[in-house]
C-alpha atoms as a PDB file:
ATOM      1  CA  MET A   1      -5.246 -17.887  -3.309  1.00  0.00           C
ATOM      2  CA  LYS A   2      -4.747 -16.640   0.261  1.00  0.00           C
ATOM      3  CA  ASN A   3      -1.212 -18.098   0.366  1.00  0.00           C
ATOM      4  CA  LEU A   4      -0.430 -16.417  -2.946  1.00  0.00           C
ATOM      5  CA  MET A   5      -1.626 -13.077  -1.600  1.00  0.00           C
ATOM      6  CA  MET A   6       0.370 -13.482   1.613  1.00  0.00           C
ATOM      7  CA  GLY A   7       3.412 -14.311  -0.496  1.00  0.00           C
ATOM      8  CA  LEU A   8       2.848 -11.189  -2.581  1.00  0.00           C
ATOM      9  CA  ALA A   9       2.515  -9.093   0.570  1.00  0.00           C
ATOM     10  CA  LEU A  10       5.722 -10.481   2.007  1.00  0.00           C
ATOM     11  CA  MET A  11       7.467  -9.931  -1.306  1.00  0.00           C
ATOM     12  CA  LEU A  12       6.323  -6.306  -1.299  1.00  0.00           C
ATOM     13  CA  ALA A  13       7.576  -5.979   2.244  1.00  0.00           C
ATOM     14  CA  ALA A  14      10.961  -7.472   1.465  1.00  0.00           C
ATOM     15  CA  CYS A  15      11.749  -5.857  -1.884  1.00  0.00           C
ATOM     16  CA  SER A  16      12.295  -2.360  -3.134  1.00  0.00           C
ATOM     17  CA  SER A  17      11.287  -1.144  -6.569  1.00  0.00           C
ATOM     18  CA  ALA A  18      14.935  -1.247  -7.647  1.00  0.00           C
ATOM     19  CA  ALA A  19      15.192  -4.923  -6.775  1.00  0.00           C
ATOM     20  CA  LEU A  20      12.024  -5.684  -8.725  1.00  0.00           C
ATOM     21  CA  ALA A  21      12.914  -3.645 -11.804  1.00  0.00           C
ATOM     22  CA  GLY A  22      14.191  -6.688 -13.673  1.00  0.00           C
ATOM     23  CA  THR A  23      11.214  -8.936 -12.868  1.00  0.00           C
ATOM     24  CA  THR A  24       8.220  -6.753 -13.647  1.00  0.00           C
ATOM     25  CA  LEU A  25       6.202  -6.954 -16.823  1.00  0.00           C
ATOM     26  CA  SER A  26       5.707  -3.240 -17.296  1.00  0.00           C
ATOM     27  CA  PRO A  27       7.261  -0.134 -18.800  1.00  0.00           C
ATOM     28  CA  PRO A  28       9.779   1.883 -16.773  1.00  0.00           C
ATOM     29  CA  ASP A  29       8.289   4.440 -14.377  1.00  0.00           C
ATOM     30  CA  LEU A  30       4.939   2.628 -14.147  1.00  0.00           C
ATOM     31  CA  GLY A  31       4.109   1.923 -10.535  1.00  0.00           C
ATOM     32  CA  VAL A  32       2.845   3.187  -7.232  1.00  0.00           C
ATOM     33  CA  GLU A  33       4.035   5.659  -4.638  1.00  0.00           C
ATOM     34  CA  PHE A  34       2.707   6.589  -1.200  1.00  0.00           C
ATOM     35  CA  ARG A  35       1.806  10.173  -0.392  1.00  0.00           C
ATOM     36  CA  LEU A  36       1.593  10.664   3.374  1.00  0.00           C
ATOM     37  CA  SER A  37       0.376  13.775   5.189  1.00  0.00           C
ATOM     38  CA  ALA A  38       3.673  13.627   7.147  1.00  0.00           C
ATOM     39  CA  PRO A  39       6.231  10.955   8.097  1.00  0.00           C
ATOM     40  CA  GLU A  40       5.511  11.656  11.786  1.00  0.00           C
ATOM     41  CA  VAL A  41       2.125  12.747  13.154  1.00  0.00           C
ATOM     42  CA  PHE A  42       1.060  14.156  16.516  1.00  0.00           C
ATOM     43  CA  PRO A  43      -2.288  14.852  18.195  1.00  0.00           C
ATOM     44  CA  GLY A  44      -3.924  17.788  16.438  1.00  0.00           C
ATOM     45  CA  ASP A  45      -2.392  16.931  13.038  1.00  0.00           C
ATOM     46  CA  THR A  46      -4.538  16.120  10.034  1.00  0.00           C
ATOM     47  CA  VAL A  47      -3.556  12.650   8.866  1.00  0.00           C
ATOM     48  CA  SER A  48      -4.083  11.156   5.410  1.00  0.00           C
ATOM     49  CA  ILE A  49      -2.586   8.408   3.259  1.00  0.00           C
ATOM     50  CA  TYR A  50      -2.839   8.220  -0.525  1.00  0.00           C
ATOM     51  CA  VAL A  51      -1.320   5.998  -3.185  1.00  0.00           C
ATOM     52  CA  ASP A  52      -0.431   7.645  -6.481  1.00  0.00           C
ATOM     53  CA  VAL A  53      -0.608   5.195  -9.382  1.00  0.00           C
ATOM     54  CA  LYS A  54       1.706   6.368 -12.161  1.00  0.00           C
ATOM     55  CA  ASN A  55       1.331   5.324 -15.779  1.00  0.00           C
ATOM     56  CA  PRO A  56       3.692   7.098 -18.186  1.00  0.00           C
ATOM     57  CA  THR A  57       2.307   5.257 -21.231  1.00  0.00           C
ATOM     58  CA  GLU A  58      -0.633   6.052 -23.507  1.00  0.00           C
ATOM     59  CA  GLU A  59      -2.206   2.681 -22.706  1.00  0.00           C
ATOM     60  CA  THR A  60      -4.898   2.021 -20.099  1.00  0.00           C
ATOM     61  CA  TYR A  61      -4.435  -1.173 -18.091  1.00  0.00           C
ATOM     62  CA  TYR A  62      -7.685  -2.785 -16.892  1.00  0.00           C
ATOM     63  CA  GLY A  63      -8.461  -4.874 -13.831  1.00  0.00           C
ATOM     64  CA  ILE A  64      -5.152  -4.377 -12.033  1.00  0.00           C
ATOM     65  CA  PRO A  65      -5.024  -5.561  -8.384  1.00  0.00           C
ATOM     66  CA  LEU A  66      -3.647  -2.849  -6.067  1.00  0.00           C
ATOM     67  CA  PHE A  67      -2.367  -4.002  -2.690  1.00  0.00           C
ATOM     68  CA  VAL A  68      -1.835  -1.829   0.373  1.00  0.00           C
ATOM     69  CA  VAL A  69      -0.455  -3.740   3.350  1.00  0.00           C
ATOM     70  CA  TRP A  70       0.505  -2.368   6.750  1.00  0.00           C
ATOM     71  CA  THR A  71       1.818  -3.516  10.089  1.00  0.00           C
ATOM     72  CA  ILE A  72       2.681  -1.836  13.376  1.00  0.00           C
ATOM     73  CA  GLU A  73       6.187  -1.951  14.850  1.00  0.00           C
ATOM     74  CA  GLU A  74       7.800  -5.365  14.297  1.00  0.00           C
ATOM     75  CA  ASP A  75       4.703  -7.575  13.965  1.00  0.00           C
ATOM     76  CA  TRP A  76       5.664  -9.042  10.557  1.00  0.00           C
ATOM     77  CA  ASP A  77       4.941 -12.611  11.554  1.00  0.00           C
ATOM     78  CA  CYS A  78       1.417 -12.141  12.887  1.00  0.00           C
ATOM     79  CA  CYS A  79      -0.146  -8.846  11.963  1.00  0.00           C
ATOM     80  CA  LEU A  80      -0.231  -7.878   8.293  1.00  0.00           C
ATOM     81  CA  TYR A  81      -3.359  -5.849   7.522  1.00  0.00           C
ATOM     82  CA  PHE A  82      -4.687  -5.480   3.989  1.00  0.00           C
ATOM     83  CA  TRP A  83      -6.637  -2.535   2.613  1.00  0.00           C
ATOM     84  CA  PRO A  84      -9.455  -2.063   1.837  1.00  0.00           C
ATOM     85  CA  PHE A  85     -11.241  -3.536   4.802  1.00  0.00           C
ATOM     86  CA  VAL A  86     -14.821  -4.729   4.515  1.00  0.00           C
ATOM     87  CA  PRO A  87     -16.964  -2.384   6.681  1.00  0.00           C
ATOM     88  CA  ASP A  88     -19.367  -5.117   7.845  1.00  0.00           C
ATOM     89  CA  GLU A  89     -16.628  -7.530   8.894  1.00  0.00           C
ATOM     90  CA  PRO A  90     -13.912  -7.330  11.559  1.00  0.00           C
ATOM     91  CA  TRP A  91     -10.554  -6.198  10.171  1.00  0.00           C
ATOM     92  CA  LEU A  92      -8.335  -9.124  11.089  1.00  0.00           C
ATOM     93  CA  ALA A  93      -4.629  -9.555  10.542  1.00  0.00           C
ATOM     94  CA  GLY A  94      -3.946 -11.837   7.609  1.00  0.00           C
ATOM     95  CA  ASP A  95      -7.278 -11.299   5.828  1.00  0.00           C
ATOM     96  CA  VAL A  96      -6.234 -10.720   2.221  1.00  0.00           C
ATOM     97  CA  HIS A  97      -7.938  -7.800   0.532  1.00  0.00           C
ATOM     98  CA  TYR A  98      -6.997  -5.784  -2.523  1.00  0.00           C
ATOM     99  CA  TYR A  99      -8.578  -3.131  -4.683  1.00  0.00           C
ATOM    100  CA  THR A 100      -9.042  -3.685  -8.421  1.00  0.00           C
ATOM    101  CA  ILE A 101      -8.358  -0.572 -10.482  1.00  0.00           C
ATOM    102  CA  ASP A 102      -8.048   0.554 -14.055  1.00  0.00           C
ATOM    103  CA  VAL A 103      -4.763   2.383 -14.636  1.00  0.00           C
ATOM    104  CA  PRO A 104      -5.228   5.161 -17.210  1.00  0.00           C
ATOM    105  CA  PRO A 105      -2.354   7.272 -18.545  1.00  0.00           C
ATOM    106  CA  GLY A 106      -1.047   9.836 -16.066  1.00  0.00           C
ATOM    107  CA  VAL A 107      -1.322   9.805 -12.273  1.00  0.00           C
ATOM    108  CA  THR A 108      -4.348   8.348 -10.496  1.00  0.00           C
ATOM    109  CA  GLU A 109      -4.859   9.194  -6.818  1.00  0.00           C
ATOM    110  CA  VAL A 110      -6.221   6.422  -4.588  1.00  0.00           C
ATOM    111  CA  GLU A 111      -7.405   7.450  -1.124  1.00  0.00           C
ATOM    112  CA  VAL A 112      -6.354   4.867   1.466  1.00  0.00           C
ATOM    113  CA  VAL A 113      -6.965   6.860   4.666  1.00  0.00           C
ATOM    114  CA  PRO A 114      -9.151   9.942   4.204  1.00  0.00           C
ATOM    115  CA  PRO A 115      -8.027  13.065   6.085  1.00  0.00           C
ATOM    116  CA  PHE A 116      -8.897  13.048   9.792  1.00  0.00           C
ATOM    117  CA  LEU A 117      -7.767  14.866  12.940  1.00  0.00           C
ATOM    118  CA  LEU A 118      -5.490  12.701  15.114  1.00  0.00           C
ATOM    119  CA  LYS A 119      -6.562  12.709  18.751  1.00  0.00           C
ATOM    120  CA  GLY A 120      -4.545  11.584  21.743  1.00  0.00           C
ATOM    121  CA  ILE A 121      -2.006  12.849  24.225  1.00  0.00           C
ATOM    122  CA  GLY A 122       1.158  12.315  22.170  1.00  0.00           C
ATOM    123  CA  TYR A 123       3.110  10.112  24.560  1.00  0.00           C
ATOM    124  CA  LEU A 124       2.966   6.718  22.860  1.00  0.00           C
ATOM    125  CA  PRO A 125       4.804   6.618  19.527  1.00  0.00           C
ATOM    126  CA  ALA A 126       4.131   3.666  17.243  1.00  0.00           C
ATOM    127  CA  THR A 127       5.705   3.071  13.854  1.00  0.00           C
ATOM    128  CA  MET A 128       3.440   1.938  11.046  1.00  0.00           C
ATOM    129  CA  TYR A 129       5.079   0.296   8.029  1.00  0.00           C
ATOM    130  CA  LEU A 130       3.146   0.608   4.772  1.00  0.00           C
ATOM    131  CA  PHE A 131       3.706  -1.351   1.566  1.00  0.00           C
ATOM    132  CA  THR A 132       1.959  -0.974  -1.777  1.00  0.00           C
ATOM    133  CA  GLY A 133       2.212  -2.595  -5.168  1.00  0.00           C
ATOM    134  CA  MET A 134       0.242  -3.919  -8.090  1.00  0.00           C
ATOM    135  CA  SER A 135       0.169  -7.339  -9.694  1.00  0.00           C
ATOM    136  CA  ASN A 136      -1.016  -8.426 -13.080  1.00  0.00           C
ATOM    137  CA  PRO A 137      -4.655  -9.620 -13.127  1.00  0.00           C
ATOM    138  CA  PHE A 138      -3.522 -13.258 -12.840  1.00  0.00           C
ATOM    139  CA  PHE A 139      -1.357 -12.641  -9.733  1.00  0.00           C
ATOM    140  CA  THR A 140       1.691 -14.109 -11.456  1.00  0.00           C
ATOM    141  CA  ASN A 141       3.938 -11.019 -11.581  1.00  0.00           C
ATOM    142  CA  VAL A 142       4.415  -7.711  -9.834  1.00  0.00           C
ATOM    143  CA  PHE A 143       3.154  -4.980 -12.158  1.00  0.00           C
ATOM    144  CA  GLY A 144       5.274  -1.820 -12.045  1.00  0.00           C
ATOM    145  CA  SER A 145       7.326  -0.525  -9.159  1.00  0.00           C
ATOM    146  CA  VAL A 146       6.377  -0.922  -5.503  1.00  0.00           C
ATOM    147  CA  ASP A 147       6.759   1.486  -2.594  1.00  0.00           C
ATOM    148  CA  TRP A 148       7.070   1.338   1.158  1.00  0.00           C
ATOM    149  CA  GLN A 149       7.066   4.031   3.824  1.00  0.00           C
ATOM    150  CA  SER A 150       7.192   4.227   7.586  1.00  0.00           C
ATOM    151  CA  MET A 151       4.991   6.600   9.531  1.00  0.00           C
ATOM    152  CA  VAL A 152       5.365   7.363  13.252  1.00  0.00           C
ATOM    153  CA  TRP A 153       2.113   8.012  15.079  1.00  0.00           C
ATOM    154  CA  HIS A 154       2.152   9.740  18.503  1.00  0.00           C
ATOM    155  CA  PHE A 155      -1.059   8.837  20.333  1.00  0.00           C
END
């Protein structure tokens, strides 16, 4: 299962929603999209990250795995982090986590990083790459479109 999840994460990282359009088992326009507080954040900024799950149909989809994966700079080979993390356990690179959601008609907001005030001195920029996507409940196909964004943090 862990290898399957790592494969899904790498697939999300390597593909755009346009490339996956022919291989998904879902209606057009169903999918996920990041909503960032800003593409570049500095000390004193309020930072937040949300995923908007879009379902243009009248059908509710149940038990859909939602993946949010991130890495810093160019650490693809060693440091993929999966959301949500388990609060009582260390958050280690490569630990596969996902969030199971029901996808009702319309847009559903999922809070990934709640708003907080970024502290620091602003000298050390680091680029965070974020990837999100859904799979069917059996982890055999990507469900809907995927999204990726980069976000530069100045600490």
